Amino acid sequence: MAENTTPPRLIIFDFDGVIADSEVLACEALAAYAGDLGAPMIWQEAAKLFVGKRASDEVATMEALAGRPLPDFLPELERRTFALFERSLRPIPGVADFIARHADMPRCIASSSSPRRIALCLGVMGLADRFPRGIYSAETVARGKPFPDIFLKAAHEEGVEPRDAIVIEDSASGVRAAVAAGMRVIGLVAASHLPPDHESALVAAGATFIARDYDEVARILTGL
């Protein structure tokens, strides 16, 4: 298949690690809570177990670790995580300027996070007005990433063919989901939780491009 070099008609942003530098904070909250439930871990272990998963999968993983049902797990985890976000959350460097410079480009969010979490984070970071609509959560589709469902839903709702969308992702599962949807993918390695060798994981997952910051994202888009 020939490489698609046409300018994209839609930018689909993942959220955690692409707009919000949230994963370390979320994993710190989760690790602390896991310790209270009898499954002590550090945030890096929480990241390996939970990052990129839907809420239902997080519950199943933690129940397996704790060895018992946890009916109140999600509400309490959300409370703890949101409190930490309200104190300490910051955006990925350069994302606000990037959106401002590309204000005429249609954009949306397609994330494994809940709509409540996305809305709170956008408000804390002062970015809610940058995404007045077009926020899609994997909670609304049958299968989460690495399946393509959330990206296909976003493209359909935005009235764009998948091949005409470009995705900005920071996780290998997200890259695989976007590739499966037939979309080009910019693998972004700008978040604070990513290990030094993460670029190779995104390439192996099928990322079309790699960017280390939003200046590189802008140069990639300019070249299309």
C-alpha atoms as a PDB file:
ATOM      1  CA  MET A   1       0.000   0.000   0.000  1.00  0.00           C
ATOM      2  CA  ALA A   2       1.341   3.440  -0.942  1.00  0.00           C
ATOM      3  CA  GLU A   3       2.269   5.770   1.908  1.00  0.00           C
ATOM      4  CA  ASN A   4      -0.395   8.373   2.649  1.00  0.00           C
ATOM      5  CA  THR A   5       1.203  11.823   2.312  1.00  0.00           C
ATOM      6  CA  THR A   6      -1.977  13.905   2.130  1.00  0.00           C
ATOM      7  CA  PRO A   7      -2.565  16.562   4.789  1.00  0.00           C
ATOM      8  CA  PRO A   8      -4.775  15.260   7.597  1.00  0.00           C
ATOM      9  CA  ARG A   9      -8.305  16.615   8.037  1.00  0.00           C
ATOM     10  CA  LEU A  10      -8.507  15.740  11.740  1.00  0.00           C
ATOM     11  CA  ILE A  11      -6.059  15.492  14.652  1.00  0.00           C
ATOM     12  CA  ILE A  12      -7.074  12.893  17.228  1.00  0.00           C
ATOM     13  CA  PHE A  13      -5.303  13.386  20.539  1.00  0.00           C
ATOM     14  CA  ASP A  14      -4.926  10.679  23.118  1.00  0.00           C
ATOM     15  CA  PHE A  15      -5.195  12.363  26.508  1.00  0.00           C
ATOM     16  CA  ASP A  16      -3.006  11.054  29.327  1.00  0.00           C
ATOM     17  CA  GLY A  17       0.628  11.520  28.340  1.00  0.00           C
ATOM     18  CA  VAL A  18      -0.323  13.517  25.228  1.00  0.00           C
ATOM     19  CA  ILE A  19      -2.303  16.475  26.603  1.00  0.00           C
ATOM     20  CA  ALA A  20      -2.079  15.934  30.365  1.00  0.00           C
ATOM     21  CA  ASP A  21       1.185  14.892  32.035  1.00  0.00           C
ATOM     22  CA  SER A  22      -0.974  12.826  34.332  1.00  0.00           C
ATOM     23  CA  GLU A  23       0.320   9.279  34.367  1.00  0.00           C
ATOM     24  CA  VAL A  24       2.884   9.629  37.171  1.00  0.00           C
ATOM     25  CA  LEU A  25       0.322  11.316  39.404  1.00  0.00           C
ATOM     26  CA  ALA A  26      -2.368   8.755  38.579  1.00  0.00           C
ATOM     27  CA  CYS A  27       0.030   5.888  39.207  1.00  0.00           C
ATOM     28  CA  GLU A  28       1.190   7.428  42.496  1.00  0.00           C
ATOM     29  CA  ALA A  29      -2.430   7.605  43.646  1.00  0.00           C
ATOM     30  CA  LEU A  30      -3.081   4.055  42.481  1.00  0.00           C
ATOM     31  CA  ALA A  31       0.069   2.651  44.083  1.00  0.00           C
ATOM     32  CA  ALA A  32      -0.756   4.269  47.419  1.00  0.00           C
ATOM     33  CA  TYR A  33      -4.289   2.876  47.291  1.00  0.00           C
ATOM     34  CA  ALA A  34      -3.018  -0.575  46.282  1.00  0.00           C
ATOM     35  CA  GLY A  35      -0.810  -0.560  49.364  1.00  0.00           C
ATOM     36  CA  ASP A  36      -3.840   0.198  51.539  1.00  0.00           C
ATOM     37  CA  LEU A  37      -5.585  -2.794  49.910  1.00  0.00           C
ATOM     38  CA  GLY A  38      -2.720  -5.140  50.737  1.00  0.00           C
ATOM     39  CA  ALA A  39      -0.925  -5.076  47.385  1.00  0.00           C
ATOM     40  CA  PRO A  40       2.014  -2.683  47.912  1.00  0.00           C
ATOM     41  CA  MET A  41       3.736  -1.354  44.817  1.00  0.00           C
ATOM     42  CA  ILE A  42       5.615   1.680  43.543  1.00  0.00           C
ATOM     43  CA  TRP A  43       4.223   3.960  40.859  1.00  0.00           C
ATOM     44  CA  GLN A  44       6.398   2.389  38.159  1.00  0.00           C
ATOM     45  CA  GLU A  45       4.833  -1.016  38.880  1.00  0.00           C
ATOM     46  CA  ALA A  46       1.385   0.540  38.800  1.00  0.00           C
ATOM     47  CA  ALA A  47       2.232   2.041  35.421  1.00  0.00           C
ATOM     48  CA  LYS A  48       3.145  -1.358  33.963  1.00  0.00           C
ATOM     49  CA  LEU A  49      -0.050  -2.933  35.290  1.00  0.00           C
ATOM     50  CA  PHE A  50      -2.624  -0.221  34.689  1.00  0.00           C
ATOM     51  CA  VAL A  51      -1.619   2.478  32.187  1.00  0.00           C
ATOM     52  CA  GLY A  52      -3.816   2.442  29.094  1.00  0.00           C
ATOM     53  CA  LYS A  53      -6.445   0.128  30.577  1.00  0.00           C
ATOM     54  CA  ARG A  54     -10.148   0.839  30.791  1.00  0.00           C
ATOM     55  CA  ALA A  55     -11.715   1.178  34.235  1.00  0.00           C
ATOM     56  CA  SER A  56     -13.288  -2.289  34.136  1.00  0.00           C
ATOM     57  CA  ASP A  57      -9.896  -3.835  33.392  1.00  0.00           C
ATOM     58  CA  GLU A  58      -8.300  -1.882  36.236  1.00  0.00           C
ATOM     59  CA  VAL A  59     -10.867  -3.311  38.659  1.00  0.00           C
ATOM     60  CA  ALA A  60     -10.233  -6.869  37.487  1.00  0.00           C
ATOM     61  CA  THR A  61      -6.463  -6.458  37.845  1.00  0.00           C
ATOM     62  CA  MET A  62      -6.673  -4.970  41.339  1.00  0.00           C
ATOM     63  CA  GLU A  63      -9.173  -7.569  42.527  1.00  0.00           C
ATOM     64  CA  ALA A  64      -6.793 -10.285  41.351  1.00  0.00           C
ATOM     65  CA  LEU A  65      -3.932  -8.664  43.274  1.00  0.00           C
ATOM     66  CA  ALA A  66      -6.003  -8.100  46.403  1.00  0.00           C
ATOM     67  CA  GLY A  67      -7.621 -11.535  46.225  1.00  0.00           C
ATOM     68  CA  ARG A  68     -11.121 -10.253  46.920  1.00  0.00           C
ATOM     69  CA  PRO A  69     -13.969  -8.249  45.354  1.00  0.00           C
ATOM     70  CA  LEU A  70     -13.516  -4.479  45.544  1.00  0.00           C
ATOM     71  CA  PRO A  71     -16.946  -2.928  44.866  1.00  0.00           C
ATOM     72  CA  ASP A  72     -15.850   0.568  45.949  1.00  0.00           C
ATOM     73  CA  PHE A  73     -12.493   0.548  44.188  1.00  0.00           C
ATOM     74  CA  LEU A  74     -13.264   2.898  41.305  1.00  0.00           C
ATOM     75  CA  PRO A  75     -15.038   5.663  43.262  1.00  0.00           C
ATOM     76  CA  GLU A  76     -12.301   5.777  45.885  1.00  0.00           C
ATOM     77  CA  LEU A  77      -9.524   5.660  43.291  1.00  0.00           C
ATOM     78  CA  GLU A  78     -11.199   8.497  41.386  1.00  0.00           C
ATOM     79  CA  ARG A  79     -11.484  10.578  44.573  1.00  0.00           C
ATOM     80  CA  ARG A  80      -7.829  10.124  45.421  1.00  0.00           C
ATOM     81  CA  THR A  81      -6.640  10.690  41.853  1.00  0.00           C
ATOM     82  CA  PHE A  82      -8.730  13.802  41.286  1.00  0.00           C
ATOM     83  CA  ALA A  83      -7.517  15.339  44.548  1.00  0.00           C
ATOM     84  CA  LEU A  84      -3.917  14.853  43.412  1.00  0.00           C
ATOM     85  CA  PHE A  85      -4.686  16.235  39.951  1.00  0.00           C
ATOM     86  CA  GLU A  86      -6.255  19.354  41.437  1.00  0.00           C
ATOM     87  CA  ARG A  87      -3.065  20.014  43.408  1.00  0.00           C
ATOM     88  CA  SER A  88      -0.360  19.045  40.950  1.00  0.00           C
ATOM     89  CA  LEU A  89      -1.477  18.343  37.362  1.00  0.00           C
ATOM     90  CA  ARG A  90       0.385  20.052  34.511  1.00  0.00           C
ATOM     91  CA  PRO A  91      -0.059  19.827  30.728  1.00  0.00           C
ATOM     92  CA  ILE A  92       2.497  18.210  28.454  1.00  0.00           C
ATOM     93  CA  PRO A  93       4.959  21.020  27.610  1.00  0.00           C
ATOM     94  CA  GLY A  94       4.048  22.851  24.419  1.00  0.00           C
ATOM     95  CA  VAL A  95       0.596  21.365  23.898  1.00  0.00           C
ATOM     96  CA  ALA A  96      -1.316  24.604  24.521  1.00  0.00           C
ATOM     97  CA  ASP A  97       0.856  26.559  22.072  1.00  0.00           C
ATOM     98  CA  PHE A  98       0.583  23.748  19.521  1.00  0.00           C
ATOM     99  CA  ILE A  99      -3.217  23.809  19.661  1.00  0.00           C
ATOM    100  CA  ALA A 100      -3.230  27.599  19.395  1.00  0.00           C
ATOM    101  CA  ARG A 101      -0.971  27.497  16.311  1.00  0.00           C
ATOM    102  CA  HIS A 102      -3.228  24.880  14.696  1.00  0.00           C
ATOM    103  CA  ALA A 103      -6.528  26.350  15.791  1.00  0.00           C
ATOM    104  CA  ASP A 104      -8.013  25.956  12.320  1.00  0.00           C
ATOM    105  CA  MET A 105      -7.370  22.190  12.263  1.00  0.00           C
ATOM    106  CA  PRO A 106     -10.325  20.078  13.456  1.00  0.00           C
ATOM    107  CA  ARG A 107      -9.347  18.159  16.572  1.00  0.00           C
ATOM    108  CA  CYS A 108     -10.794  15.802  19.134  1.00  0.00           C
ATOM    109  CA  ILE A 109      -9.781  13.560  22.026  1.00  0.00           C
ATOM    110  CA  ALA A 110     -10.023   9.751  22.035  1.00  0.00           C
ATOM    111  CA  SER A 111      -8.945   8.351  25.388  1.00  0.00           C
ATOM    112  CA  SER A 112      -9.215   5.333  27.658  1.00  0.00           C
ATOM    113  CA  SER A 113      -9.975   7.736  30.524  1.00  0.00           C
ATOM    114  CA  SER A 114     -13.478   8.528  31.719  1.00  0.00           C
ATOM    115  CA  PRO A 115     -15.288  11.662  30.531  1.00  0.00           C
ATOM    116  CA  ARG A 116     -15.267  12.936  34.144  1.00  0.00           C
ATOM    117  CA  ARG A 117     -11.503  12.601  34.415  1.00  0.00           C
ATOM    118  CA  ILE A 118     -10.885  14.265  31.056  1.00  0.00           C
ATOM    119  CA  ALA A 119     -13.201  17.159  31.925  1.00  0.00           C
ATOM    120  CA  LEU A 120     -11.606  17.711  35.326  1.00  0.00           C
ATOM    121  CA  CYS A 121      -8.083  17.613  33.899  1.00  0.00           C
ATOM    122  CA  LEU A 122      -8.899  20.036  31.086  1.00  0.00           C
ATOM    123  CA  GLY A 123     -10.362  22.424  33.650  1.00  0.00           C
ATOM    124  CA  VAL A 124      -7.372  22.178  35.991  1.00  0.00           C
ATOM    125  CA  MET A 125      -4.974  22.838  33.091  1.00  0.00           C
ATOM    126  CA  GLY A 126      -7.041  25.700  31.664  1.00  0.00           C
ATOM    127  CA  LEU A 127      -7.614  23.881  28.374  1.00  0.00           C
ATOM    128  CA  ALA A 128     -11.361  23.243  28.493  1.00  0.00           C
ATOM    129  CA  ASP A 129     -12.047  25.929  25.880  1.00  0.00           C
ATOM    130  CA  ARG A 130      -9.637  24.200  23.453  1.00  0.00           C
ATOM    131  CA  PHE A 131     -11.905  21.134  23.338  1.00  0.00           C
ATOM    132  CA  PRO A 132     -15.485  22.425  23.593  1.00  0.00           C
ATOM    133  CA  ARG A 133     -16.698  19.222  21.914  1.00  0.00           C
ATOM    134  CA  GLY A 134     -15.333  16.040  20.378  1.00  0.00           C
ATOM    135  CA  ILE A 135     -14.282  14.167  23.523  1.00  0.00           C
ATOM    136  CA  TYR A 136     -14.574  10.389  23.125  1.00  0.00           C
ATOM    137  CA  SER A 137     -14.000   7.877  25.899  1.00  0.00           C
ATOM    138  CA  ALA A 138     -13.303   4.186  25.474  1.00  0.00           C
ATOM    139  CA  GLU A 139     -16.026   3.626  28.077  1.00  0.00           C
ATOM    140  CA  THR A 140     -18.507   4.199  25.237  1.00  0.00           C
ATOM    141  CA  VAL A 141     -17.233   1.438  22.925  1.00  0.00           C
ATOM    142  CA  ALA A 142     -17.202  -2.338  23.152  1.00  0.00           C
ATOM    143  CA  ARG A 143     -13.428  -2.766  23.176  1.00  0.00           C
ATOM    144  CA  GLY A 144     -10.646  -0.579  24.470  1.00  0.00           C
ATOM    145  CA  LYS A 145      -7.202  -0.033  23.012  1.00  0.00           C
ATOM    146  CA  PRO A 146      -5.361  -1.842  21.347  1.00  0.00           C
ATOM    147  CA  PHE A 147      -8.604  -2.426  19.437  1.00  0.00           C
ATOM    148  CA  PRO A 148      -9.484   0.380  17.003  1.00  0.00           C
ATOM    149  CA  ASP A 149     -13.036   1.014  18.244  1.00  0.00           C
ATOM    150  CA  ILE A 150     -12.490   4.383  19.950  1.00  0.00           C
ATOM    151  CA  PHE A 151     -10.568   5.845  17.011  1.00  0.00           C
ATOM    152  CA  LEU A 152     -13.115   4.632  14.486  1.00  0.00           C
ATOM    153  CA  LYS A 153     -15.891   6.124  16.599  1.00  0.00           C
ATOM    154  CA  ALA A 154     -14.077   9.465  16.798  1.00  0.00           C
ATOM    155  CA  ALA A 155     -13.521   9.615  13.023  1.00  0.00           C
ATOM    156  CA  HIS A 156     -17.119   8.637  12.311  1.00  0.00           C
ATOM    157  CA  GLU A 157     -18.542  11.222  14.708  1.00  0.00           C
ATOM    158  CA  GLU A 158     -16.240  13.905  13.287  1.00  0.00           C
ATOM    159  CA  GLY A 159     -17.220  13.027   9.702  1.00  0.00           C
ATOM    160  CA  VAL A 160     -13.725  12.070   8.560  1.00  0.00           C
ATOM    161  CA  GLU A 161     -12.468   8.927   6.866  1.00  0.00           C
ATOM    162  CA  PRO A 162      -9.924   7.069   9.045  1.00  0.00           C
ATOM    163  CA  ARG A 163      -7.146   7.528   6.462  1.00  0.00           C
ATOM    164  CA  ASP A 164      -7.657  11.311   6.690  1.00  0.00           C
ATOM    165  CA  ALA A 165      -7.088  11.422  10.460  1.00  0.00           C
ATOM    166  CA  ILE A 166      -3.769  11.547  12.272  1.00  0.00           C
ATOM    167  CA  VAL A 167      -3.446  10.328  15.860  1.00  0.00           C
ATOM    168  CA  ILE A 168      -1.052  11.581  18.546  1.00  0.00           C
ATOM    169  CA  GLU A 169      -0.368   8.720  20.972  1.00  0.00           C
ATOM    170  CA  ASP A 170       2.137   7.911  23.695  1.00  0.00           C
ATOM    171  CA  SER A 171       1.361   4.233  24.370  1.00  0.00           C
ATOM    172  CA  ALA A 172       2.122   1.147  22.316  1.00  0.00           C
ATOM    173  CA  SER A 173      -1.439  -0.107  22.756  1.00  0.00           C
ATOM    174  CA  GLY A 174      -2.786   3.218  21.528  1.00  0.00           C
ATOM    175  CA  VAL A 175      -0.485   3.160  18.514  1.00  0.00           C
ATOM    176  CA  ARG A 176      -1.646  -0.349  17.665  1.00  0.00           C
ATOM    177  CA  ALA A 177      -5.273   0.776  17.976  1.00  0.00           C
ATOM    178  CA  ALA A 178      -4.741   3.701  15.614  1.00  0.00           C
ATOM    179  CA  VAL A 179      -2.865   1.538  13.095  1.00  0.00           C
ATOM    180  CA  ALA A 180      -5.690  -1.004  13.222  1.00  0.00           C
ATOM    181  CA  ALA A 181      -8.103   1.847  12.499  1.00  0.00           C
ATOM    182  CA  GLY A 182      -6.164   2.686   9.331  1.00  0.00           C
ATOM    183  CA  MET A 183      -4.815   5.979  10.660  1.00  0.00           C
ATOM    184  CA  ARG A 184      -1.399   7.569  10.634  1.00  0.00           C
ATOM    185  CA  VAL A 185       0.150   7.870  14.083  1.00  0.00           C
ATOM    186  CA  ILE A 186       2.605  10.266  15.660  1.00  0.00           C
ATOM    187  CA  GLY A 187       4.237   8.523  18.605  1.00  0.00           C
ATOM    188  CA  LEU A 188       4.883  11.267  21.169  1.00  0.00           C
ATOM    189  CA  VAL A 189       7.568  10.678  23.802  1.00  0.00           C
ATOM    190  CA  ALA A 190       7.203  13.857  25.851  1.00  0.00           C
ATOM    191  CA  ALA A 191       5.483  12.670  29.048  1.00  0.00           C
ATOM    192  CA  SER A 192       7.353  12.348  32.346  1.00  0.00           C
ATOM    193  CA  HIS A 193       6.419   8.696  32.945  1.00  0.00           C
ATOM    194  CA  LEU A 194       7.944   7.283  29.767  1.00  0.00           C
ATOM    195  CA  PRO A 195      11.137   5.164  30.003  1.00  0.00           C
ATOM    196  CA  PRO A 196      14.208   6.055  27.923  1.00  0.00           C
ATOM    197  CA  ASP A 197      13.625   3.229  25.432  1.00  0.00           C
ATOM    198  CA  HIS A 198       9.945   4.008  24.847  1.00  0.00           C
ATOM    199  CA  GLU A 199      10.503   5.322  21.333  1.00  0.00           C
ATOM    200  CA  SER A 200      11.457   1.842  20.149  1.00  0.00           C
ATOM    201  CA  ALA A 201       8.235   0.408  21.595  1.00  0.00           C
ATOM    202  CA  LEU A 202       6.165   2.929  19.633  1.00  0.00           C
ATOM    203  CA  VAL A 203       8.070   2.182  16.437  1.00  0.00           C
ATOM    204  CA  ALA A 204       7.555  -1.557  16.960  1.00  0.00           C
ATOM    205  CA  ALA A 205       3.826  -0.927  17.484  1.00  0.00           C
ATOM    206  CA  GLY A 206       3.661   0.740  14.077  1.00  0.00           C
ATOM    207  CA  ALA A 207       3.977   4.486  14.695  1.00  0.00           C
ATOM    208  CA  THR A 208       4.244   6.351  11.384  1.00  0.00           C
ATOM    209  CA  PHE A 209       6.331   9.125  12.966  1.00  0.00           C
ATOM    210  CA  ILE A 210       8.092   9.773  16.282  1.00  0.00           C
ATOM    211  CA  ALA A 211       8.117  13.173  18.002  1.00  0.00           C
ATOM    212  CA  ARG A 212       9.970  14.090  21.176  1.00  0.00           C
ATOM    213  CA  ASP A 213       8.024  17.300  21.725  1.00  0.00           C
ATOM    214  CA  TYR A 214       5.280  19.390  20.167  1.00  0.00           C
ATOM    215  CA  ASP A 215       7.708  21.344  18.002  1.00  0.00           C
ATOM    216  CA  GLU A 216       8.494  18.053  16.260  1.00  0.00           C
ATOM    217  CA  VAL A 217       4.772  17.272  15.977  1.00  0.00           C
ATOM    218  CA  ALA A 218       4.300  20.627  14.252  1.00  0.00           C
ATOM    219  CA  ARG A 219       7.157  19.921  11.820  1.00  0.00           C
ATOM    220  CA  ILE A 220       5.668  16.536  10.956  1.00  0.00           C
ATOM    221  CA  LEU A 221       2.295  18.088  10.170  1.00  0.00           C
ATOM    222  CA  THR A 222       3.919  20.823   8.098  1.00  0.00           C
ATOM    223  CA  GLY A 223       5.623  18.163   5.990  1.00  0.00           C
ATOM    224  CA  LEU A 224       2.369  16.408   5.068  1.00  0.00           C
END
